[in-house]
PDB file of N, CA and C in Angstrom:
ATOM      1  N   UNK A   1      -3.114 -13.345  67.311  1.00  0.00           N
ATOM      2  CA  UNK A   1      -3.852 -14.225  66.703  1.00  0.00           C
ATOM      3  C   UNK A   1      -4.809 -13.698  65.694  1.00  0.00           C
ATOM      4  N   UNK A   2      -4.971 -13.826  64.665  1.00  0.00           N
ATOM      5  CA  UNK A   2      -6.067 -13.541  63.767  1.00  0.00           C
ATOM      6  C   UNK A   2      -6.917 -14.554  64.059  1.00  0.00           C
ATOM      7  N   UNK A   3      -8.272 -13.705  63.802  1.00  0.00           N
ATOM      8  CA  UNK A   3      -9.629 -14.497  63.923  1.00  0.00           C
ATOM      9  C   UNK A   3      -9.568 -14.924  62.207  1.00  0.00           C
ATOM     10  N   UNK A   4     -10.527 -16.021  62.351  1.00  0.00           N
ATOM     11  CA  UNK A   4     -11.039 -16.880  60.792  1.00  0.00           C
ATOM     12  C   UNK A   4     -11.915 -15.883  60.103  1.00  0.00           C
ATOM     13  N   UNK A   5     -12.803 -15.344  61.050  1.00  0.00           N
ATOM     14  CA  UNK A   5     -13.362 -14.098  60.105  1.00  0.00           C
ATOM     15  C   UNK A   5     -12.932 -13.095  59.375  1.00  0.00           C
ATOM     16  N   UNK A   6     -11.677 -12.700  60.222  1.00  0.00           N
ATOM     17  CA  UNK A   6     -10.762 -11.741  59.269  1.00  0.00           C
ATOM     18  C   UNK A   6     -10.078 -12.218  58.117  1.00  0.00           C
ATOM     19  N   UNK A   7      -9.785 -13.678  58.081  1.00  0.00           N
ATOM     20  CA  UNK A   7      -8.875 -14.012  57.101  1.00  0.00           C
ATOM     21  C   UNK A   7     -10.021 -14.356  55.993  1.00  0.00           C
ATOM     22  N   UNK A   8     -11.536 -14.590  55.909  1.00  0.00           N
ATOM     23  CA  UNK A   8     -12.282 -14.804  55.005  1.00  0.00           C
ATOM     24  C   UNK A   8     -12.882 -13.578  54.654  1.00  0.00           C
ATOM     25  N   UNK A   9     -12.444 -12.444  55.222  1.00  0.00           N
ATOM     26  CA  UNK A   9     -13.064 -11.186  54.853  1.00  0.00           C
ATOM     27  C   UNK A   9     -12.393 -10.645  53.691  1.00  0.00           C
ATOM     28  N   UNK A  10     -10.610 -10.864  54.533  1.00  0.00           N
ATOM     29  CA  UNK A  10      -9.567 -10.763  53.639  1.00  0.00           C
ATOM     30  C   UNK A  10      -9.489 -11.060  52.357  1.00  0.00           C
ATOM     31  N   UNK A  11     -10.131 -12.662  52.345  1.00  0.00           N
ATOM     32  CA  UNK A  11     -10.001 -13.387  50.847  1.00  0.00           C
ATOM     33  C   UNK A  11     -11.053 -12.737  49.903  1.00  0.00           C
ATOM     34  N   UNK A  12     -12.342 -12.531  50.610  1.00  0.00           N
ATOM     35  CA  UNK A  12     -13.415 -11.789  50.021  1.00  0.00           C
ATOM     36  C   UNK A  12     -12.879 -10.568  49.386  1.00  0.00           C
ATOM     37  N   UNK A  13     -12.246 -10.236  50.153  1.00  0.00           N
ATOM     38  CA  UNK A  13     -11.671  -8.389  49.485  1.00  0.00           C
ATOM     39  C   UNK A  13     -10.926  -8.739  48.211  1.00  0.00           C
ATOM     40  N   UNK A  14      -9.775  -9.850  48.431  1.00  0.00           N
ATOM     41  CA  UNK A  14      -9.077  -9.860  47.234  1.00  0.00           C
ATOM     42  C   UNK A  14      -9.772 -10.468  46.485  1.00  0.00           C
ATOM     43  N   UNK A  15     -10.712 -11.241  46.229  1.00  0.00           N
ATOM     44  CA  UNK A  15     -11.324 -11.744  45.528  1.00  0.00           C
ATOM     45  C   UNK A  15     -12.496 -10.969  44.817  1.00  0.00           C
ATOM     46  N   UNK A  16     -12.830 -10.141  45.285  1.00  0.00           N
ATOM     47  CA  UNK A  16     -13.653  -9.093  45.039  1.00  0.00           C
ATOM     48  C   UNK A  16     -13.093  -7.995  44.103  1.00  0.00           C
ATOM     49  N   UNK A  17     -11.665  -7.828  44.643  1.00  0.00           N
ATOM     50  CA  UNK A  17     -10.610  -6.860  43.826  1.00  0.00           C
ATOM     51  C   UNK A  17     -10.492  -7.515  42.512  1.00  0.00           C
ATOM     52  N   UNK A  18     -10.125  -8.436  42.578  1.00  0.00           N
ATOM     53  CA  UNK A  18      -9.760  -9.692  41.521  1.00  0.00           C
ATOM     54  C   UNK A  18     -10.883  -9.488  40.337  1.00  0.00           C
ATOM     55  N   UNK A  19     -11.798  -9.633  40.971  1.00  0.00           N
ATOM     56  CA  UNK A  19     -13.129  -9.744  40.075  1.00  0.00           C
ATOM     57  C   UNK A  19     -13.435  -8.573  39.370  1.00  0.00           C
ATOM     58  N   UNK A  20     -13.264  -7.454  40.145  1.00  0.00           N
ATOM     59  CA  UNK A  20     -13.661  -6.283  39.417  1.00  0.00           C
ATOM     60  C   UNK A  20     -12.394  -5.843  38.775  1.00  0.00           C
ATOM     61  N   UNK A  21     -11.111  -6.178  38.881  1.00  0.00           N
ATOM     62  CA  UNK A  21     -10.084  -5.943  37.945  1.00  0.00           C
ATOM     63  C   UNK A  21     -10.440  -6.327  36.456  1.00  0.00           C
ATOM     64  N   UNK A  22     -10.854  -7.694  36.601  1.00  0.00           N
ATOM     65  CA  UNK A  22     -11.116  -8.599  35.395  1.00  0.00           C
ATOM     66  C   UNK A  22     -12.503  -8.344  34.680  1.00  0.00           C
ATOM     67  N   UNK A  23     -13.757  -7.882  35.498  1.00  0.00           N
ATOM     68  CA  UNK A  23     -14.675  -7.190  34.877  1.00  0.00           C
ATOM     69  C   UNK A  23     -14.156  -5.978  34.231  1.00  0.00           C
ATOM     70  N   UNK A  24     -13.621  -5.247  34.715  1.00  0.00           N
ATOM     71  CA  UNK A  24     -13.068  -3.659  34.164  1.00  0.00           C
ATOM     72  C   UNK A  24     -12.001  -4.073  32.939  1.00  0.00           C
ATOM     73  N   UNK A  25     -11.227  -5.085  32.916  1.00  0.00           N
ATOM     74  CA  UNK A  25     -10.385  -5.492  31.785  1.00  0.00           C
ATOM     75  C   UNK A  25     -11.214  -6.082  30.650  1.00  0.00           C
ATOM     76  N   UNK A  26     -12.545  -6.628  30.840  1.00  0.00           N
ATOM     77  CA  UNK A  26     -13.147  -7.420  29.789  1.00  0.00           C
ATOM     78  C   UNK A  26     -14.094  -6.140  29.290  1.00  0.00           C
ATOM     79  N   UNK A  27     -14.639  -5.330  29.955  1.00  0.00           N
ATOM     80  CA  UNK A  27     -15.148  -4.013  29.722  1.00  0.00           C
ATOM     81  C   UNK A  27     -14.609  -3.040  28.658  1.00  0.00           C
ATOM     82  N   UNK A  28     -13.487  -3.219  28.945  1.00  0.00           N
ATOM     83  CA  UNK A  28     -12.436  -2.033  28.524  1.00  0.00           C
ATOM     84  C   UNK A  28     -11.970  -2.743  26.737  1.00  0.00           C
ATOM     85  N   UNK A  29     -11.820  -3.889  26.621  1.00  0.00           N
ATOM     86  CA  UNK A  29     -11.586  -4.755  25.762  1.00  0.00           C
ATOM     87  C   UNK A  29     -12.906  -4.727  24.766  1.00  0.00           C
ATOM     88  N   UNK A  30     -14.303  -4.913  25.591  1.00  0.00           N
ATOM     89  CA  UNK A  30     -15.526  -4.999  24.657  1.00  0.00           C
ATOM     90  C   UNK A  30     -15.834  -3.723  23.769  1.00  0.00           C
ATOM     91  N   UNK A  31     -15.545  -2.823  24.793  1.00  0.00           N
ATOM     92  CA  UNK A  31     -15.598  -1.388  24.307  1.00  0.00           C
ATOM     93  C   UNK A  31     -14.633  -1.105  22.885  1.00  0.00           C
ATOM     94  N   UNK A  32     -13.402  -1.251  23.010  1.00  0.00           N
ATOM     95  CA  UNK A  32     -12.251  -1.339  21.889  1.00  0.00           C
ATOM     96  C   UNK A  32     -12.905  -2.244  20.557  1.00  0.00           C
ATOM     97  N   UNK A  33     -13.646  -3.201  20.993  1.00  0.00           N
ATOM     98  CA  UNK A  33     -13.865  -4.405  19.897  1.00  0.00           C
ATOM     99  C   UNK A  33     -15.339  -3.921  19.477  1.00  0.00           C
ATOM    100  N   UNK A  34     -16.107  -3.813  20.175  1.00  0.00           N
ATOM    101  CA  UNK A  34     -17.460  -4.255  19.689  1.00  0.00           C
ATOM    102  C   UNK A  34     -17.951  -2.674  19.229  1.00  0.00           C
ATOM    103  N   UNK A  35     -17.642  -1.655  19.936  1.00  0.00           N
ATOM    104  CA  UNK A  35     -18.116  -0.270  19.367  1.00  0.00           C
ATOM    105  C   UNK A  35     -18.063  -0.343  18.079  1.00  0.00           C
ATOM    106  N   UNK A  36     -16.602  -0.155  17.841  1.00  0.00           N
ATOM    107  CA  UNK A  36     -16.362   0.249  16.248  1.00  0.00           C
ATOM    108  C   UNK A  36     -17.007  -1.145  15.322  1.00  0.00           C
ATOM    109  N   UNK A  37     -17.476  -2.465  15.740  1.00  0.00           N
ATOM    110  CA  UNK A  37     -18.158  -3.246  15.026  1.00  0.00           C
ATOM    111  C   UNK A  37     -19.141  -2.836  14.936  1.00  0.00           C
ATOM    112  N   UNK A  38     -20.143  -2.324  15.795  1.00  0.00           N
ATOM    113  CA  UNK A  38     -21.484  -2.260  15.637  1.00  0.00           C
ATOM    114  C   UNK A  38     -21.587  -0.744  14.644  1.00  0.00           C
ATOM    115  N   UNK A  39     -20.539  -0.111  14.825  1.00  0.00           N
ATOM    116  CA  UNK A  39     -20.464   1.069  14.110  1.00  0.00           C
ATOM    117  C   UNK A  39     -20.455   0.669  12.520  1.00  0.00           C
ATOM    118  N   UNK A  40     -19.403   0.056  12.201  1.00  0.00           N
ATOM    119  CA  UNK A  40     -19.581  -0.393  10.863  1.00  0.00           C
ATOM    120  C   UNK A  40     -20.868  -1.305  10.489  1.00  0.00           C
ATOM    121  N   UNK A  41     -21.261  -2.025  11.203  1.00  0.00           N
ATOM    122  CA  UNK A  41     -22.562  -2.701  11.181  1.00  0.00           C
ATOM    123  C   UNK A  41     -23.896  -1.863  10.637  1.00  0.00           C
ATOM    124  N   UNK A  42     -23.970  -0.769  11.620  1.00  0.00           N
ATOM    125  CA  UNK A  42     -24.806   0.073  11.080  1.00  0.00           C
ATOM    126  C   UNK A  42     -24.642   0.987  10.001  1.00  0.00           C
ATOM    127  N   UNK A  43     -23.557   1.267   9.227  1.00  0.00           N
ATOM    128  CA  UNK A  43     -22.961   1.467   8.369  1.00  0.00           C
ATOM    129  C   UNK A  43     -23.571   1.252   7.455  1.00  0.00           C
ATOM    130  N   UNK A  44     -23.095   0.098   7.188  1.00  0.00           N
ATOM    131  CA  UNK A  44     -23.463  -1.319   6.108  1.00  0.00           C
ATOM    132  C   UNK A  44     -24.983  -1.408   5.860  1.00  0.00           C
ATOM    133  N   UNK A  45     -25.623  -1.423   6.996  1.00  0.00           N
ATOM    134  CA  UNK A  45     -27.079  -1.935   7.190  1.00  0.00           C
ATOM    135  C   UNK A  45     -27.650  -0.376   6.294  1.00  0.00           C
ATOM    136  N   UNK A  46     -27.440   0.551   6.951  1.00  0.00           N
ATOM    137  CA  UNK A  46     -28.241   2.225   6.393  1.00  0.00           C
ATOM    138  C   UNK A  46     -27.830   2.184   5.346  1.00  0.00           C
ATOM    139  N   UNK A  47     -26.538   2.157   4.846  1.00  0.00           N
ATOM    140  CA  UNK A  47     -26.245   2.263   3.364  1.00  0.00           C
ATOM    141  C   UNK A  47     -26.750   1.510   2.494  1.00  0.00           C
ATOM    142  N   UNK A  48     -27.128  -0.016   2.710  1.00  0.00           N
ATOM    143  CA  UNK A  48     -27.888  -0.710   1.939  1.00  0.00           C
ATOM    144  C   UNK A  48     -29.255  -0.563   1.933  1.00  0.00           C
ATOM    145  N   UNK A  49     -30.104   0.008   3.061  1.00  0.00           N
ATOM    146  CA  UNK A  49     -31.262   0.817   2.983  1.00  0.00           C
ATOM    147  C   UNK A  49     -31.373   1.485   2.079  1.00  0.00           C
ATOM    148  N   UNK A  50     -30.553   2.793   2.286  1.00  0.00           N
ATOM    149  CA  UNK A  50     -30.427   4.020   1.387  1.00  0.00           C
ATOM    150  C   UNK A  50     -30.380   3.489   0.185  1.00  0.00           C
ATOM    151  N   UNK A  51     -29.521   2.279  -0.507  1.00  0.00           N
ATOM    152  CA  UNK A  51     -29.341   2.372  -1.640  1.00  0.00           C
ATOM    153  C   UNK A  51     -30.607   1.605  -2.390  1.00  0.00           C
ATOM    154  N   UNK A  52     -31.082   0.512  -1.647  1.00  0.00           N
ATOM    155  CA  UNK A  52     -32.336   0.258  -2.249  1.00  0.00           C
ATOM    156  C   UNK A  52     -33.289   1.157  -2.080  1.00  0.00           C
ATOM    157  N   UNK A  53     -33.664   2.170  -1.689  1.00  0.00           N
ATOM    158  CA  UNK A  53     -34.560   3.290  -1.303  1.00  0.00           C
ATOM    159  C   UNK A  53     -34.421   3.991  -2.833  1.00  0.00           C
ATOM    160  N   UNK A  54     -33.062   4.464  -2.843  1.00  0.00           N
ATOM    161  CA  UNK A  54     -32.492   5.291  -4.065  1.00  0.00           C
ATOM    162  C   UNK A  54     -32.801   4.484  -5.097  1.00  0.00           C
ATOM    163  N   UNK A  55     -32.731   3.595  -5.323  1.00  0.00           N
ATOM    164  CA  UNK A  55     -32.605   2.732  -6.598  1.00  0.00           C
ATOM    165  C   UNK A  55     -33.964   2.637  -6.906  1.00  0.00           C
ATOM    166  N   UNK A  56     -35.384   2.782  -5.904  1.00  0.00           N
ATOM    167  CA  UNK A  56     -36.480   2.376  -6.228  1.00  0.00           C
ATOM    168  C   UNK A  56     -37.087   4.026  -6.916  1.00  0.00           C
ATOM    169  N   UNK A  57     -36.501   5.135  -5.853  1.00  0.00           N
ATOM    170  CA  UNK A  57     -36.988   6.440  -6.301  1.00  0.00           C
ATOM    171  C   UNK A  57     -36.630   6.919  -7.948  1.00  0.00           C
ATOM    172  N   UNK A  58     -34.906   6.215  -8.434  1.00  0.00           N
ATOM    173  CA  UNK A  58     -34.785   6.571  -9.863  1.00  0.00           C
ATOM    174  C   UNK A  58     -35.777   6.058 -10.351  1.00  0.00           C
ATOM    175  N   UNK A  59     -35.763   4.581 -10.362  1.00  0.00           N
ATOM    176  CA  UNK A  59     -36.723   3.731 -11.338  1.00  0.00           C
ATOM    177  C   UNK A  59     -38.017   4.382 -11.664  1.00  0.00           C
ATOM    178  N   UNK A  60     -38.702   4.836 -10.240  1.00  0.00           N
ATOM    179  CA  UNK A  60     -40.246   5.235 -10.278  1.00  0.00           C
ATOM    180  C   UNK A  60     -40.108   6.765 -10.899  1.00  0.00           C
ATOM    181  N   UNK A  61     -39.283   7.461 -10.834  1.00  0.00           N
ATOM    182  CA  UNK A  61     -39.119   8.405 -11.217  1.00  0.00           C
ATOM    183  C   UNK A  61     -38.868   8.427 -12.989  1.00  0.00           C
ATOM    184  N   UNK A  62     -37.983   7.721 -13.244  1.00  0.00           N
ATOM    185  CA  UNK A  62     -38.099   7.459 -14.608  1.00  0.00           C
ATOM    186  C   UNK A  62     -39.016   6.941 -15.233  1.00  0.00           C
ATOM    187  N   UNK A  63     -40.239   6.144 -14.663  1.00  0.00           N
ATOM    188  CA  UNK A  63     -41.435   5.591 -15.419  1.00  0.00           C
ATOM    189  C   UNK A  63     -42.225   7.029 -15.322  1.00  0.00           C
ATOM    190  N   UNK A  64     -42.559   7.522 -13.934  1.00  0.00           N
ATOM    191  CA  UNK A  64     -43.218   8.841 -14.853  1.00  0.00           C
ATOM    192  C   UNK A  64     -42.707   9.576 -15.589  1.00  0.00           C
ATOM    193  N   UNK A  65     -41.069   9.845 -15.596  1.00  0.00           N
ATOM    194  CA  UNK A  65     -40.682  10.892 -16.784  1.00  0.00           C
ATOM    195  C   UNK A  65     -41.154  10.248 -18.173  1.00  0.00           C
ATOM    196  N   UNK A  66     -41.265   8.723 -18.134  1.00  0.00           N
ATOM    197  CA  UNK A  66     -41.504   8.690 -19.676  1.00  0.00           C
ATOM    198  C   UNK A  66     -43.029   8.582 -19.880  1.00  0.00           C
ATOM    199  N   UNK A  67     -43.683   8.805 -18.891  1.00  0.00           N
ATOM    200  CA  UNK A  67     -44.991   8.334 -19.160  1.00  0.00           C
ATOM    201  C   UNK A  67     -45.740  10.131 -19.390  1.00  0.00           C
ATOM    202  N   UNK A  68     -45.015  10.941 -18.194  1.00  0.00           N
ATOM    203  CA  UNK A  68     -45.612  12.361 -18.891  1.00  0.00           C
ATOM    204  C   UNK A  68     -44.724  12.821 -19.891  1.00  0.00           C
ATOM    205  N   UNK A  69     -43.829  12.340 -20.577  1.00  0.00           N
ATOM    206  CA  UNK A  69     -43.340  12.614 -22.066  1.00  0.00           C
ATOM    207  C   UNK A  69     -43.827  12.504 -22.718  1.00  0.00           C
ATOM    208  N   UNK A  70     -44.692  11.209 -22.829  1.00  0.00           N
ATOM    209  CA  UNK A  70     -45.484  10.481 -23.768  1.00  0.00           C
ATOM    210  C   UNK A  70     -46.775  10.941 -23.798  1.00  0.00           C
ATOM    211  N   UNK A  71     -47.364  11.676 -22.742  1.00  0.00           N
ATOM    212  CA  UNK A  71     -48.593  12.756 -23.052  1.00  0.00           C
ATOM    213  C   UNK A  71     -48.239  13.740 -23.782  1.00  0.00           C
ATOM    214  N   UNK A  72     -47.047  14.385 -23.320  1.00  0.00           N
ATOM    215  CA  UNK A  72     -46.823  15.737 -23.953  1.00  0.00           C
ATOM    216  C   UNK A  72     -46.559  15.741 -25.499  1.00  0.00           C
ATOM    217  N   UNK A  73     -45.721  14.902 -25.858  1.00  0.00           N
ATOM    218  CA  UNK A  73     -44.697  14.508 -27.414  1.00  0.00           C
ATOM    219  C   UNK A  73     -46.367  14.154 -28.085  1.00  0.00           C
ATOM    220  N   UNK A  74     -46.749  15.044 -28.993  1.00  0.00           N
ATOM    221  CA  UNK A  74     -47.901  14.363 -29.829  1.00  0.00           C
ATOM    222  C   UNK A  74     -47.450  13.005 -30.487  1.00  0.00           C
ATOM    223  N   UNK A  75     -46.287  12.314 -30.619  1.00  0.00           N
ATOM    224  CA  UNK A  75     -45.980  11.283 -31.626  1.00  0.00           C
ATOM    225  C   UNK A  75     -46.099  10.203 -30.865  1.00  0.00           C
ATOM    226  N   UNK A  76     -45.591   8.750 -31.241  1.00  0.00           N
ATOM    227  CA  UNK A  76     -45.473   7.587 -30.860  1.00  0.00           C
ATOM    228  C   UNK A  76     -44.612   7.261 -29.733  1.00  0.00           C
ATOM    229  N   UNK A  77     -44.517   6.552 -28.946  1.00  0.00           N
ATOM    230  CA  UNK A  77     -43.837   6.261 -27.940  1.00  0.00           C
ATOM    231  C   UNK A  77     -42.239   6.060 -28.210  1.00  0.00           C
ATOM    232  N   UNK A  78     -41.839   5.949 -29.631  1.00  0.00           N
ATOM    233  CA  UNK A  78     -40.373   6.076 -29.993  1.00  0.00           C
ATOM    234  C   UNK A  78     -39.793   7.366 -29.559  1.00  0.00           C
ATOM    235  N   UNK A  79     -40.704   8.544 -29.845  1.00  0.00           N
ATOM    236  CA  UNK A  79     -40.375   9.739 -29.935  1.00  0.00           C
ATOM    237  C   UNK A  79     -40.221  10.196 -28.309  1.00  0.00           C
ATOM    238  N   UNK A  80     -40.493   9.684 -27.530  1.00  0.00           N
ATOM    239  CA  UNK A  80     -40.588   9.661 -25.961  1.00  0.00           C
ATOM    240  C   UNK A  80     -38.980   9.391 -25.888  1.00  0.00           C
ATOM    241  N   UNK A  81     -39.198   8.216 -26.480  1.00  0.00           N
ATOM    242  CA  UNK A  81     -37.528   7.575 -25.952  1.00  0.00           C
ATOM    243  C   UNK A  81     -36.266   8.388 -26.710  1.00  0.00           C
ATOM    244  N   UNK A  82     -36.774   8.692 -27.732  1.00  0.00           N
ATOM    245  CA  UNK A  82     -35.308   9.563 -28.340  1.00  0.00           C
ATOM    246  C   UNK A  82     -35.110  10.637 -27.867  1.00  0.00           C
ATOM    247  N   UNK A  83     -36.267  11.678 -27.312  1.00  0.00           N
ATOM    248  CA  UNK A  83     -36.160  12.898 -26.635  1.00  0.00           C
ATOM    249  C   UNK A  83     -35.344  12.455 -25.286  1.00  0.00           C
ATOM    250  N   UNK A  84     -35.859  11.904 -24.859  1.00  0.00           N
ATOM    251  CA  UNK A  84     -35.540  11.207 -23.620  1.00  0.00           C
ATOM    252  C   UNK A  84     -33.824  10.862 -23.175  1.00  0.00           C
ATOM    253  N   UNK A  85     -33.647  10.169 -24.427  1.00  0.00           N
ATOM    254  CA  UNK A  85     -32.460   9.741 -24.744  1.00  0.00           C
ATOM    255  C   UNK A  85     -31.287  10.573 -25.223  1.00  0.00           C
ATOM    256  N   UNK A  86     -31.842  11.502 -25.791  1.00  0.00           N
ATOM    257  CA  UNK A  86     -31.178  12.963 -26.213  1.00  0.00           C
ATOM    258  C   UNK A  86     -30.507  13.663 -25.000  1.00  0.00           C
ATOM    259  N   UNK A  87     -31.733  13.930 -24.106  1.00  0.00           N
ATOM    260  CA  UNK A  87     -31.267  14.546 -23.044  1.00  0.00           C
ATOM    261  C   UNK A  87     -30.601  13.515 -22.022  1.00  0.00           C
ATOM    262  N   UNK A  88     -30.401  12.488 -21.894  1.00  0.00           N
ATOM    263  CA  UNK A  88     -29.753  11.707 -21.118  1.00  0.00           C
ATOM    264  C   UNK A  88     -27.971  11.814 -21.666  1.00  0.00           C
ATOM    265  N   UNK A  89     -28.381  11.625 -22.643  1.00  0.00           N
ATOM    266  CA  UNK A  89     -26.720  11.956 -23.517  1.00  0.00           C
ATOM    267  C   UNK A  89     -26.307  13.200 -23.278  1.00  0.00           C
ATOM    268  N   UNK A  90     -26.755  14.077 -23.776  1.00  0.00           N
ATOM    269  CA  UNK A  90     -26.212  15.498 -23.376  1.00  0.00           C
ATOM    270  C   UNK A  90     -25.536  15.780 -21.911  1.00  0.00           C
ATOM    271  N   UNK A  91     -26.731  15.518 -21.021  1.00  0.00           N
ATOM    272  CA  UNK A  91     -26.542  15.772 -19.787  1.00  0.00           C
ATOM    273  C   UNK A  91     -24.840  14.958 -19.625  1.00  0.00           C
ATOM    274  N   UNK A  92     -24.855  13.601 -20.050  1.00  0.00           N
ATOM    275  CA  UNK A  92     -23.643  12.531 -19.676  1.00  0.00           C
ATOM    276  C   UNK A  92     -22.309  13.471 -20.702  1.00  0.00           C
ATOM    277  N   UNK A  93     -22.517  13.748 -21.604  1.00  0.00           N
ATOM    278  CA  UNK A  93     -21.530  14.502 -22.306  1.00  0.00           C
ATOM    279  C   UNK A  93     -20.979  15.627 -21.321  1.00  0.00           C
ATOM    280  N   UNK A  94     -21.690  16.165 -20.967  1.00  0.00           N
ATOM    281  CA  UNK A  94     -21.761  17.640 -19.882  1.00  0.00           C
ATOM    282  C   UNK A  94     -21.232  17.433 -19.003  1.00  0.00           C
ATOM    283  N   UNK A  95     -21.365  16.158 -18.438  1.00  0.00           N
ATOM    284  CA  UNK A  95     -20.792  15.553 -17.136  1.00  0.00           C
ATOM    285  C   UNK A  95     -19.554  14.810 -17.084  1.00  0.00           C
ATOM    286  N   UNK A  96     -19.234  14.260 -18.367  1.00  0.00           N
ATOM    287  CA  UNK A  96     -18.076  13.801 -18.815  1.00  0.00           C
ATOM    288  C   UNK A  96     -17.012  14.907 -19.043  1.00  0.00           C
ATOM    289  N   UNK A  97     -17.378  15.945 -19.639  1.00  0.00           N
ATOM    290  CA  UNK A  97     -16.498  16.954 -19.743  1.00  0.00           C
ATOM    291  C   UNK A  97     -16.137  17.768 -18.497  1.00  0.00           C
ATOM    292  N   UNK A  98     -16.888  17.534 -17.361  1.00  0.00           N
ATOM    293  CA  UNK A  98     -16.471  18.425 -16.236  1.00  0.00           C
ATOM    294  C   UNK A  98     -15.869  17.484 -15.144  1.00  0.00           C
ATOM    295  N   UNK A  99     -15.306  16.211 -15.716  1.00  0.00           N
ATOM    296  CA  UNK A  99     -14.685  15.308 -14.770  1.00  0.00           C
ATOM    297  C   UNK A  99     -13.378  15.831 -14.273  1.00  0.00           C
ATOM    298  N   UNK A 100     -12.803  16.810 -15.102  1.00  0.00           N
ATOM    299  CA  UNK A 100     -11.680  16.733 -14.667  1.00  0.00           C
ATOM    300  C   UNK A 100     -11.116  17.766 -13.946  1.00  0.00           C
ATOM    301  N   UNK A 101     -12.323  18.907 -13.840  1.00  0.00           N
ATOM    302  CA  UNK A 101     -12.432  20.153 -13.457  1.00  0.00           C
ATOM    303  C   UNK A 101     -12.591  20.564 -12.109  1.00  0.00           C
TER     304      UNK A 101
END
């Protein structure tokens, strides 16, 4: 005849195995779902931060370029705008012509 102590340990053993199985299954599902979602979230956050920093850098560079050109060109500010507009337009035409190559 089996003792009650052995029956309880068997039940604990089955309960522990079931618990391990459930925990392992939940961990596997979590790794397959949460991992990719975290990677996507990081990509979005870092991409947005990079976009904001790049926009600020471009704006500050343009401001510095206008101020520098205005100091170097002996005419009014409109000459600076015409000169920079011409440079950017020619650059745009050049890049537009290379778009299919």
